[in-house]
Amino acid sequence: MASQRRISSTSPGHSPGRASAAVARCACCIAANALATELNPSFAPGLNTLRPMFLEEAAKRATFVN
């Protein structure tokens, strides 16, 4: 009998302490958890993750504070 892996909210890939985002080929964010969006605002579902880096100077400076 093959073992089945059950995915729950405590699985390593679904930990609330980890930032995760799913990005499509066209660099559009499909899904992201709250921590990923907090770390990088362009990781919000429905947004293109590359657009702010090239077109929005204020967004780039907010992400890469130096």
Protein backbone atom coordinates (compact mmCIF):
# COMPACT_ATOMS: atom_id res chain seq x y z
CA MET A 1 0.00 0.00 0.00
CA ALA A 2 1.43 3.35 -1.00
CA SER A 3 1.57 5.97 1.69
CA GLN A 4 -0.39 9.12 1.12
CA ARG A 5 0.86 12.50 2.20
CA ARG A 6 -1.74 14.70 3.75
CA ILE A 7 -1.20 18.44 3.40
CA SER A 8 -2.28 20.44 6.40
CA SER A 9 -1.63 23.89 7.78
CA THR A 10 1.32 22.48 9.76
CA SER A 11 3.13 20.97 6.75
CA PRO A 12 6.57 22.48 6.02
CA GLY A 13 5.37 24.06 2.78
CA HIS A 14 2.40 25.70 4.48
CA SER A 15 4.03 27.10 7.58
CA PRO A 16 2.81 30.56 8.59
CA GLY A 17 6.42 31.51 9.38
CA ARG A 18 7.61 31.14 5.78
CA ALA A 19 7.20 33.62 2.97
CA SER A 20 5.91 32.00 -0.20
CA ALA A 21 4.59 33.24 -3.50
CA ALA A 22 3.56 31.55 -6.75
CA VAL A 23 4.60 33.46 -9.86
CA ALA A 24 3.56 32.64 -13.43
CA ARG A 25 5.83 32.69 -16.48
CA CYS A 26 4.78 36.23 -17.30
CA ALA A 27 6.02 37.35 -13.83
CA CYS A 28 2.49 37.85 -12.52
CA CYS A 29 1.95 36.85 -8.92
CA ILE A 30 -0.76 34.19 -8.73
CA ALA A 31 -0.82 33.69 -4.96
CA ALA A 32 1.17 34.87 -1.94
CA ASN A 33 0.90 34.65 1.80
CA ALA A 34 0.87 37.68 4.09
CA LEU A 35 4.57 37.39 4.99
CA ALA A 36 5.67 37.43 1.34
CA THR A 37 3.52 40.48 0.67
CA GLU A 38 4.94 42.21 3.75
CA LEU A 39 8.53 41.53 2.66
CA ASN A 40 7.95 42.62 -0.93
CA PRO A 41 4.74 44.51 -1.82
CA SER A 42 4.99 43.41 -5.47
CA PHE A 43 4.19 39.86 -4.29
CA ALA A 44 0.49 40.61 -4.07
CA PRO A 45 -1.86 38.40 -6.09
CA GLY A 46 -2.67 39.92 -9.46
CA LEU A 47 0.39 42.17 -9.66
CA ASN A 48 3.33 41.87 -12.04
CA THR A 49 6.41 41.35 -9.86
CA LEU A 50 8.83 43.03 -12.29
CA ARG A 51 6.84 46.14 -13.17
CA PRO A 52 7.56 48.07 -9.94
CA MET A 53 11.30 47.38 -10.21
CA PHE A 54 11.57 49.07 -13.61
CA LEU A 55 8.79 51.64 -13.69
CA GLU A 56 8.11 52.74 -10.14
CA GLU A 57 11.15 54.30 -8.52
CA ALA A 58 9.49 54.77 -5.12
CA ALA A 59 8.52 51.08 -4.97
CA LYS A 60 12.07 50.04 -5.82
CA ARG A 61 13.51 52.24 -3.08
CA ALA A 62 10.99 50.92 -0.56
CA THR A 63 11.97 47.32 -1.34
CA PHE A 64 15.74 47.86 -1.49
CA VAL A 65 16.47 50.27 1.34
CA ASN A 66 20.13 51.21 1.21
